[in-house]
Amino acid sequence: MRSQGTEHLEVVVTKPGQLHELLDNAEAVLRKVAIAQRSAGILVTRHDPLRYTLALCDAVPFGETWEQTLSRPLVNGRTAGPSPVEN
């Protein structure tokens, strides 16, 4: 987990089985900041299966954590790219 400041963290998985622990730890760090500020929720963004960012976000209600995915699962070891936009 690399810190990008107190309102934004990046999680990069380097060992199998560590994803949930890393995400839980990062969310706990941001939750403490959110509680102190009492103004934003947490947005978790999946960039690919091994990289996530967590950030305080005014669009997310205080006390909530929302998730979004910017990529599709790996296909033959490669990210398939962003999901198409549905109309």
PDB file of N, CA and C in Angstrom:
ATOM      1  N   MET A   1       0.854  -1.163   0.000  1.00  0.00           N
ATOM      2  CA  MET A   1       0.000   0.000   0.000  1.00  0.00           C
ATOM      3  C   MET A   1       0.900   1.225   0.000  1.00  0.00           C
ATOM      4  N   ARG A   2       0.674   2.133  -0.939  1.00  0.00           N
ATOM      5  CA  ARG A   2       1.445   3.373  -1.016  1.00  0.00           C
ATOM      6  C   ARG A   2       0.531   4.539  -0.686  1.00  0.00           C
ATOM      7  N   SER A   3       1.008   5.439   0.119  1.00  0.00           N
ATOM      8  CA  SER A   3       0.210   6.602   0.490  1.00  0.00           C
ATOM      9  C   SER A   3       0.343   7.693  -0.554  1.00  0.00           C
ATOM     10  N   GLN A   4      -0.758   8.299  -0.937  1.00  0.00           N
ATOM     11  CA  GLN A   4      -0.789   9.425  -1.856  1.00  0.00           C
ATOM     12  C   GLN A   4      -1.283  10.654  -1.109  1.00  0.00           C
ATOM     13  N   GLY A   5      -1.063  10.717   0.175  1.00  0.00           N
ATOM     14  CA  GLY A   5      -1.635  11.752   1.013  1.00  0.00           C
ATOM     15  C   GLY A   5      -2.649  11.104   1.929  1.00  0.00           C
ATOM     16  N   THR A   6      -3.223  11.896   2.803  1.00  0.00           N
ATOM     17  CA  THR A   6      -4.145  11.318   3.771  1.00  0.00           C
ATOM     18  C   THR A   6      -5.539  11.084   3.203  1.00  0.00           C
ATOM     19  N   GLU A   7      -5.806  11.553   1.988  1.00  0.00           N
ATOM     20  CA  GLU A   7      -7.141  11.388   1.426  1.00  0.00           C
ATOM     21  C   GLU A   7      -7.164  10.453   0.226  1.00  0.00           C
ATOM     22  N   HIS A   8      -6.031   9.825  -0.098  1.00  0.00           N
ATOM     23  CA  HIS A   8      -5.957   8.975  -1.275  1.00  0.00           C
ATOM     24  C   HIS A   8      -4.888   7.909  -1.062  1.00  0.00           C
ATOM     25  N   LEU A   9      -5.245   6.638  -1.235  1.00  0.00           N
ATOM     26  CA  LEU A   9      -4.302   5.538  -1.077  1.00  0.00           C
ATOM     27  C   LEU A   9      -4.365   4.636  -2.297  1.00  0.00           C
ATOM     28  N   GLU A  10      -3.239   4.019  -2.621  1.00  0.00           N
ATOM     29  CA  GLU A  10      -3.186   3.057  -3.712  1.00  0.00           C
ATOM     30  C   GLU A  10      -2.809   1.704  -3.137  1.00  0.00           C
ATOM     31  N   VAL A  11      -3.512   0.663  -3.560  1.00  0.00           N
ATOM     32  CA  VAL A  11      -3.236  -0.705  -3.142  1.00  0.00           C
ATOM     33  C   VAL A  11      -2.786  -1.478  -4.376  1.00  0.00           C
ATOM     34  N   VAL A  12      -1.604  -2.071  -4.280  1.00  0.00           N
ATOM     35  CA  VAL A  12      -1.083  -2.909  -5.355  1.00  0.00           C
ATOM     36  C   VAL A  12      -0.811  -4.287  -4.761  1.00  0.00           C
ATOM     37  N   VAL A  13      -1.458  -5.303  -5.299  1.00  0.00           N
ATOM     38  CA  VAL A  13      -1.323  -6.668  -4.792  1.00  0.00           C
ATOM     39  C   VAL A  13      -0.067  -7.291  -5.393  1.00  0.00           C
ATOM     40  N   THR A  14       0.818  -7.776  -4.518  1.00  0.00           N
ATOM     41  CA  THR A  14       2.053  -8.406  -4.982  1.00  0.00           C
ATOM     42  C   THR A  14       2.141  -9.874  -4.590  1.00  0.00           C
ATOM     43  N   LYS A  15       1.263 -10.304  -3.676  1.00  0.00           N
ATOM     44  CA  LYS A  15       1.264 -11.700  -3.233  1.00  0.00           C
ATOM     45  C   LYS A  15      -0.155 -12.239  -3.283  1.00  0.00           C
ATOM     46  N   PRO A  16      -0.327 -13.465  -3.742  1.00  0.00           N
ATOM     47  CA  PRO A  16      -1.669 -14.054  -3.777  1.00  0.00           C
ATOM     48  C   PRO A  16      -2.300 -14.059  -2.382  1.00  0.00           C
ATOM     49  N   GLY A  17      -3.569 -13.796  -2.342  1.00  0.00           N
ATOM     50  CA  GLY A  17      -4.311 -13.885  -1.094  1.00  0.00           C
ATOM     51  C   GLY A  17      -4.245 -12.663  -0.202  1.00  0.00           C
ATOM     52  N   GLN A  18      -3.587 -11.591  -0.611  1.00  0.00           N
ATOM     53  CA  GLN A  18      -3.460 -10.431   0.264  1.00  0.00           C
ATOM     54  C   GLN A  18      -4.439  -9.306  -0.059  1.00  0.00           C
ATOM     55  N   LEU A  19      -5.223  -9.440  -1.121  1.00  0.00           N
ATOM     56  CA  LEU A  19      -6.101  -8.359  -1.574  1.00  0.00           C
ATOM     57  C   LEU A  19      -7.017  -7.854  -0.470  1.00  0.00           C
ATOM     58  N   HIS A  20      -7.779  -8.729   0.153  1.00  0.00           N
ATOM     59  CA  HIS A  20      -8.774  -8.292   1.138  1.00  0.00           C
ATOM     60  C   HIS A  20      -8.123  -7.630   2.347  1.00  0.00           C
ATOM     61  N   GLU A  21      -7.007  -8.161   2.797  1.00  0.00           N
ATOM     62  CA  GLU A  21      -6.309  -7.558   3.937  1.00  0.00           C
ATOM     63  C   GLU A  21      -5.816  -6.151   3.590  1.00  0.00           C
ATOM     64  N   LEU A  22      -5.229  -5.988   2.410  1.00  0.00           N
ATOM     65  CA  LEU A  22      -4.731  -4.668   2.002  1.00  0.00           C
ATOM     66  C   LEU A  22      -5.866  -3.664   1.855  1.00  0.00           C
ATOM     67  N   LEU A  23      -6.975  -4.095   1.237  1.00  0.00           N
ATOM     68  CA  LEU A  23      -8.120  -3.187   1.084  1.00  0.00           C
ATOM     69  C   LEU A  23      -8.722  -2.816   2.428  1.00  0.00           C
ATOM     70  N   ASP A  24      -8.844  -3.790   3.321  1.00  0.00           N
ATOM     71  CA  ASP A  24      -9.386  -3.507   4.655  1.00  0.00           C
ATOM     72  C   ASP A  24      -8.506  -2.515   5.405  1.00  0.00           C
ATOM     73  N   ASN A  25      -7.181  -2.701   5.334  1.00  0.00           N
ATOM     74  CA  ASN A  25      -6.259  -1.801   6.023  1.00  0.00           C
ATOM     75  C   ASN A  25      -6.334  -0.386   5.458  1.00  0.00           C
ATOM     76  N   ALA A  26      -6.368  -0.269   4.136  1.00  0.00           N
ATOM     77  CA  ALA A  26      -6.445   1.051   3.501  1.00  0.00           C
ATOM     78  C   ALA A  26      -7.761   1.736   3.855  1.00  0.00           C
ATOM     79  N   GLU A  27      -8.851   0.986   3.838  1.00  0.00           N
ATOM     80  CA  GLU A  27     -10.143   1.573   4.184  1.00  0.00           C
ATOM     81  C   GLU A  27     -10.155   2.052   5.640  1.00  0.00           C
ATOM     82  N   ALA A  28      -9.528   1.305   6.532  1.00  0.00           N
ATOM     83  CA  ALA A  28      -9.471   1.703   7.942  1.00  0.00           C
ATOM     84  C   ALA A  28      -8.710   3.017   8.116  1.00  0.00           C
ATOM     85  N   VAL A  29      -7.618   3.188   7.364  1.00  0.00           N
ATOM     86  CA  VAL A  29      -6.847   4.430   7.433  1.00  0.00           C
ATOM     87  C   VAL A  29      -7.707   5.601   6.972  1.00  0.00           C
ATOM     88  N   LEU A  30      -8.383   5.431   5.831  1.00  0.00           N
ATOM     89  CA  LEU A  30      -9.214   6.520   5.312  1.00  0.00           C
ATOM     90  C   LEU A  30     -10.441   6.767   6.179  1.00  0.00           C
ATOM     91  N   ARG A  31     -10.961   5.721   6.796  1.00  0.00           N
ATOM     92  CA  ARG A  31     -12.124   5.894   7.668  1.00  0.00           C
ATOM     93  C   ARG A  31     -11.779   6.819   8.830  1.00  0.00           C
ATOM     94  N   LYS A  32     -10.563   6.695   9.388  1.00  0.00           N
ATOM     95  CA  LYS A  32     -10.138   7.581  10.479  1.00  0.00           C
ATOM     96  C   LYS A  32     -10.092   9.033  10.020  1.00  0.00           C
ATOM     97  N   VAL A  33      -9.586   9.263   8.815  1.00  0.00           N
ATOM     98  CA  VAL A  33      -9.530  10.629   8.274  1.00  0.00           C
ATOM     99  C   VAL A  33     -10.939  11.145   8.027  1.00  0.00           C
ATOM    100  N   ALA A  34     -11.801  10.294   7.460  1.00  0.00           N
ATOM    101  CA  ALA A  34     -13.181  10.696   7.176  1.00  0.00           C
ATOM    102  C   ALA A  34     -13.927  11.050   8.456  1.00  0.00           C
ATOM    103  N   ILE A  35     -13.716  10.276   9.502  1.00  0.00           N
ATOM    104  CA  ILE A  35     -14.388  10.557  10.774  1.00  0.00           C
ATOM    105  C   ILE A  35     -13.937  11.904  11.328  1.00  0.00           C
ATOM    106  N   ALA A  36     -12.644  12.186  11.213  1.00  0.00           N
ATOM    107  CA  ALA A  36     -12.127  13.474  11.711  1.00  0.00           C
ATOM    108  C   ALA A  36     -12.709  14.645  10.921  1.00  0.00           C
ATOM    109  N   GLN A  37     -12.885  14.454   9.596  1.00  0.00           N
ATOM    110  CA  GLN A  37     -13.400  15.535   8.748  1.00  0.00           C
ATOM    111  C   GLN A  37     -14.921  15.567   8.696  1.00  0.00           C
ATOM    112  N   ARG A  38     -15.561  14.414   8.870  1.00  0.00           N
ATOM    113  CA  ARG A  38     -17.021  14.258   8.837  1.00  0.00           C
ATOM    114  C   ARG A  38     -17.643  14.904   7.594  1.00  0.00           C
ATOM    115  N   SER A  39     -16.974  14.703   6.444  1.00  0.00           N
ATOM    116  CA  SER A  39     -17.504  15.368   5.251  1.00  0.00           C
ATOM    117  C   SER A  39     -17.525  14.509   3.996  1.00  0.00           C
ATOM    118  N   ALA A  40     -16.999  13.308   4.036  1.00  0.00           N
ATOM    119  CA  ALA A  40     -16.927  12.516   2.809  1.00  0.00           C
ATOM    120  C   ALA A  40     -16.962  11.030   3.117  1.00  0.00           C
ATOM    121  N   GLY A  41     -17.382  10.268   2.104  1.00  0.00           N
ATOM    122  CA  GLY A  41     -17.312   8.825   2.180  1.00  0.00           C
ATOM    123  C   GLY A  41     -16.054   8.352   1.468  1.00  0.00           C
ATOM    124  N   ILE A  42     -15.980   7.034   1.255  1.00  0.00           N
ATOM    125  CA  ILE A  42     -14.802   6.433   0.631  1.00  0.00           C
ATOM    126  C   ILE A  42     -15.205   5.795  -0.689  1.00  0.00           C
ATOM    127  N   LEU A  43     -14.435   6.085  -1.731  1.00  0.00           N
ATOM    128  CA  LEU A  43     -14.647   5.485  -3.046  1.00  0.00           C
ATOM    129  C   LEU A  43     -13.474   4.556  -3.343  1.00  0.00           C
ATOM    130  N   VAL A  44     -13.778   3.278  -3.578  1.00  0.00           N
ATOM    131  CA  VAL A  44     -12.773   2.275  -3.938  1.00  0.00           C
ATOM    132  C   VAL A  44     -12.884   2.046  -5.433  1.00  0.00           C
ATOM    133  N   THR A  45     -11.780   2.222  -6.153  1.00  0.00           N
ATOM    134  CA  THR A  45     -11.768   2.049  -7.606  1.00  0.00           C
ATOM    135  C   THR A  45     -10.836   0.906  -7.981  1.00  0.00           C
ATOM    136  N   ARG A  46     -11.379  -0.056  -8.710  1.00  0.00           N
ATOM    137  CA  ARG A  46     -10.566  -1.170  -9.226  1.00  0.00           C
ATOM    138  C   ARG A  46     -10.073  -0.775 -10.612  1.00  0.00           C
ATOM    139  N   HIS A  47      -8.770  -0.600 -10.747  1.00  0.00           N
ATOM    140  CA  HIS A  47      -8.171  -0.248 -12.035  1.00  0.00           C
ATOM    141  C   HIS A  47      -7.862  -1.500 -12.841  1.00  0.00           C
ATOM    142  N   ASP A  48      -7.429  -2.537 -12.163  1.00  0.00           N
ATOM    143  CA  ASP A  48      -7.240  -3.868 -12.735  1.00  0.00           C
ATOM    144  C   ASP A  48      -7.224  -4.825 -11.555  1.00  0.00           C
ATOM    145  N   PRO A  49      -7.173  -6.127 -11.783  1.00  0.00           N
ATOM    146  CA  PRO A  49      -7.290  -7.066 -10.661  1.00  0.00           C
ATOM    147  C   PRO A  49      -6.209  -6.935  -9.582  1.00  0.00           C
ATOM    148  N   LEU A  50      -5.136  -6.226  -9.880  1.00  0.00           N
ATOM    149  CA  LEU A  50      -4.049  -6.107  -8.914  1.00  0.00           C
ATOM    150  C   LEU A  50      -3.822  -4.683  -8.416  1.00  0.00           C
ATOM    151  N   ARG A  51      -4.596  -3.706  -8.910  1.00  0.00           N
ATOM    152  CA  ARG A  51      -4.390  -2.307  -8.501  1.00  0.00           C
ATOM    153  C   ARG A  51      -5.715  -1.623  -8.209  1.00  0.00           C
ATOM    154  N   TYR A  52      -5.780  -1.033  -7.029  1.00  0.00           N
ATOM    155  CA  TYR A  52      -6.974  -0.340  -6.550  1.00  0.00           C
ATOM    156  C   TYR A  52      -6.560   1.001  -5.964  1.00  0.00           C
ATOM    157  N   THR A  53      -7.447   1.986  -6.046  1.00  0.00           N
ATOM    158  CA  THR A  53      -7.237   3.223  -5.315  1.00  0.00           C
ATOM    159  C   THR A  53      -8.432   3.430  -4.396  1.00  0.00           C
ATOM    160  N   LEU A  54      -8.162   4.030  -3.261  1.00  0.00           N
ATOM    161  CA  LEU A  54      -9.191   4.386  -2.296  1.00  0.00           C
ATOM    162  C   LEU A  54      -9.033   5.863  -2.015  1.00  0.00           C
ATOM    163  N   ALA A  55     -10.150   6.582  -2.035  1.00  0.00           N
ATOM    164  CA  ALA A  55     -10.080   8.026  -1.846  1.00  0.00           C
ATOM    165  C   ALA A  55     -11.312   8.530  -1.111  1.00  0.00           C
ATOM    166  N   LEU A  56     -11.108   9.587  -0.324  1.00  0.00           N
ATOM    167  CA  LEU A  56     -12.259  10.285   0.236  1.00  0.00           C
ATOM    168  C   LEU A  56     -12.952  10.990  -0.915  1.00  0.00           C
ATOM    169  N   CYS A  57     -14.278  10.932  -0.937  1.00  0.00           N
ATOM    170  CA  CYS A  57     -15.031  11.454  -2.074  1.00  0.00           C
ATOM    171  C   CYS A  57     -16.298  12.133  -1.571  1.00  0.00           C
ATOM    172  N   ASP A  58     -16.468  13.407  -1.935  1.00  0.00           N
ATOM    173  CA  ASP A  58     -17.656  14.149  -1.513  1.00  0.00           C
ATOM    174  C   ASP A  58     -18.943  13.590  -2.112  1.00  0.00           C
ATOM    175  N   ALA A  59     -18.845  12.887  -3.241  1.00  0.00           N
ATOM    176  CA  ALA A  59     -20.030  12.308  -3.879  1.00  0.00           C
ATOM    177  C   ALA A  59     -20.538  11.072  -3.140  1.00  0.00           C
ATOM    178  N   VAL A  60     -19.719  10.515  -2.272  1.00  0.00           N
ATOM    179  CA  VAL A  60     -20.106   9.355  -1.467  1.00  0.00           C
ATOM    180  C   VAL A  60     -20.535   9.867  -0.094  1.00  0.00           C
ATOM    181  N   PRO A  61     -21.736   9.495   0.351  1.00  0.00           N
ATOM    182  CA  PRO A  61     -22.202   9.975   1.655  1.00  0.00           C
ATOM    183  C   PRO A  61     -21.256   9.578   2.788  1.00  0.00           C
ATOM    184  N   PHE A  62     -21.110  10.490   3.747  1.00  0.00           N
ATOM    185  CA  PHE A  62     -20.282  10.229   4.913  1.00  0.00           C
ATOM    186  C   PHE A  62     -20.717   8.919   5.573  1.00  0.00           C
ATOM    187  N   GLY A  63     -19.744   8.076   5.915  1.00  0.00           N
ATOM    188  CA  GLY A  63     -20.033   6.808   6.578  1.00  0.00           C
ATOM    189  C   GLY A  63     -20.229   5.637   5.624  1.00  0.00           C
ATOM    190  N   GLU A  64     -20.220   5.911   4.320  1.00  0.00           N
ATOM    191  CA  GLU A  64     -20.409   4.843   3.341  1.00  0.00           C
ATOM    192  C   GLU A  64     -19.137   4.625   2.529  1.00  0.00           C
ATOM    193  N   THR A  65     -19.020   3.407   1.984  1.00  0.00           N
ATOM    194  CA  THR A  65     -17.932   3.071   1.056  1.00  0.00           C
ATOM    195  C   THR A  65     -18.574   2.542  -0.212  1.00  0.00           C
ATOM    196  N   TRP A  66     -18.247   3.156  -1.339  1.00  0.00           N
ATOM    197  CA  TRP A  66     -18.756   2.732  -2.637  1.00  0.00           C
ATOM    198  C   TRP A  66     -17.614   2.163  -3.454  1.00  0.00           C
ATOM    199  N   GLU A  67     -17.953   1.285  -4.393  1.00  0.00           N
ATOM    200  CA  GLU A  67     -16.956   0.672  -5.257  1.00  0.00           C
ATOM    201  C   GLU A  67     -17.283   0.963  -6.707  1.00  0.00           C
ATOM    202  N   GLN A  68     -16.229   1.096  -7.517  1.00  0.00           N
ATOM    203  CA  GLN A  68     -16.406   1.193  -8.968  1.00  0.00           C
ATOM    204  C   GLN A  68     -15.282   0.411  -9.637  1.00  0.00           C
ATOM    205  N   THR A  69     -15.554  -0.096 -10.835  1.00  0.00           N
ATOM    206  CA  THR A  69     -14.569  -0.864 -11.592  1.00  0.00           C
ATOM    207  C   THR A  69     -14.292  -0.157 -12.898  1.00  0.00           C
ATOM    208  N   LEU A  70     -13.012   0.085 -13.183  1.00  0.00           N
ATOM    209  CA  LEU A  70     -12.620   0.728 -14.432  1.00  0.00           C
ATOM    210  C   LEU A  70     -12.079  -0.269 -15.449  1.00  0.00           C
ATOM    211  N   SER A  71     -11.950  -1.537 -15.065  1.00  0.00           N
ATOM    212  CA  SER A  71     -11.426  -2.531 -15.992  1.00  0.00           C
ATOM    213  C   SER A  71     -12.215  -3.822 -15.875  1.00  0.00           C
ATOM    214  N   ARG A  72     -12.059  -4.638 -16.879  1.00  0.00           N
ATOM    215  CA  ARG A  72     -12.666  -5.963 -16.844  1.00  0.00           C
ATOM    216  C   ARG A  72     -11.618  -6.957 -16.370  1.00  0.00           C
ATOM    217  N   PRO A  73     -12.013  -8.178 -16.030  1.00  0.00           N
ATOM    218  CA  PRO A  73     -11.067  -9.170 -15.513  1.00  0.00           C
ATOM    219  C   PRO A  73      -9.966  -9.496 -16.524  1.00  0.00           C
ATOM    220  N   LEU A  74      -8.904 -10.088 -16.005  1.00  0.00           N
ATOM    221  CA  LEU A  74      -7.801 -10.504 -16.856  1.00  0.00           C
ATOM    222  C   LEU A  74      -8.237 -11.619 -17.808  1.00  0.00           C
ATOM    223  N   VAL A  75      -7.754 -11.546 -19.045  1.00  0.00           N
ATOM    224  CA  VAL A  75      -7.983 -12.576 -20.045  1.00  0.00           C
ATOM    225  C   VAL A  75      -6.604 -12.984 -20.551  1.00  0.00           C
ATOM    226  N   ASN A  76      -6.230 -14.225 -20.343  1.00  0.00           N
ATOM    227  CA  ASN A  76      -4.903 -14.704 -20.725  1.00  0.00           C
ATOM    228  C   ASN A  76      -3.794 -13.842 -20.137  1.00  0.00           C
ATOM    229  N   GLY A  77      -3.975 -13.424 -18.874  1.00  0.00           N
ATOM    230  CA  GLY A  77      -2.952 -12.651 -18.194  1.00  0.00           C
ATOM    231  C   GLY A  77      -2.946 -11.168 -18.506  1.00  0.00           C
ATOM    232  N   ARG A  78      -3.901 -10.677 -19.305  1.00  0.00           N
ATOM    233  CA  ARG A  78      -3.942  -9.259 -19.674  1.00  0.00           C
ATOM    234  C   ARG A  78      -5.316  -8.688 -19.357  1.00  0.00           C
ATOM    235  N   THR A  79      -5.347  -7.434 -18.966  1.00  0.00           N
ATOM    236  CA  THR A  79      -6.620  -6.766 -18.709  1.00  0.00           C
ATOM    237  C   THR A  79      -7.334  -6.574 -20.036  1.00  0.00           C
ATOM    238  N   ALA A  80      -8.609  -6.887 -20.060  1.00  0.00           N
ATOM    239  CA  ALA A  80      -9.384  -6.815 -21.283  1.00  0.00           C
ATOM    240  C   ALA A  80      -9.750  -5.391 -21.659  1.00  0.00           C
ATOM    241  N   GLY A  81      -9.513  -4.430 -20.800  1.00  0.00           N
ATOM    242  CA  GLY A  81      -9.822  -3.030 -21.103  1.00  0.00           C
ATOM    243  C   GLY A  81     -11.076  -2.589 -20.392  1.00  0.00           C
ATOM    244  N   PRO A  82     -11.384  -1.298 -20.510  1.00  0.00           N
ATOM    245  CA  PRO A  82     -12.569  -0.763 -19.831  1.00  0.00           C
ATOM    246  C   PRO A  82     -13.844  -1.401 -20.353  1.00  0.00           C
ATOM    247  N   SER A  83     -14.793  -1.527 -19.468  1.00  0.00           N
ATOM    248  CA  SER A  83     -16.104  -2.038 -19.878  1.00  0.00           C
ATOM    249  C   SER A  83     -16.785  -1.027 -20.771  1.00  0.00           C
ATOM    250  N   PRO A  84     -17.504  -1.490 -21.785  1.00  0.00           N
ATOM    251  CA  PRO A  84     -18.210  -0.542 -22.637  1.00  0.00           C
ATOM    252  C   PRO A  84     -19.318   0.175 -21.880  1.00  0.00           C
ATOM    253  N   VAL A  85     -19.596   1.381 -22.268  1.00  0.00           N
ATOM    254  CA  VAL A  85     -20.660   2.166 -21.650  1.00  0.00           C
ATOM    255  C   VAL A  85     -21.992   1.700 -22.209  1.00  0.00           C
ATOM    256  N   GLU A  86     -22.915   1.408 -21.307  1.00  0.00           N
ATOM    257  CA  GLU A  86     -24.247   0.974 -21.731  1.00  0.00           C
ATOM    258  C   GLU A  86     -25.169   2.170 -21.800  1.00  0.00           C
ATOM    259  N   ASN A  87     -26.017   2.221 -22.806  1.00  0.00           N
ATOM    260  CA  ASN A  87     -26.993   3.307 -22.935  1.00  0.00           C
ATOM    261  C   ASN A  87     -28.347   2.838 -22.486  1.00  0.00           C
TER     262      ASN A  87
END
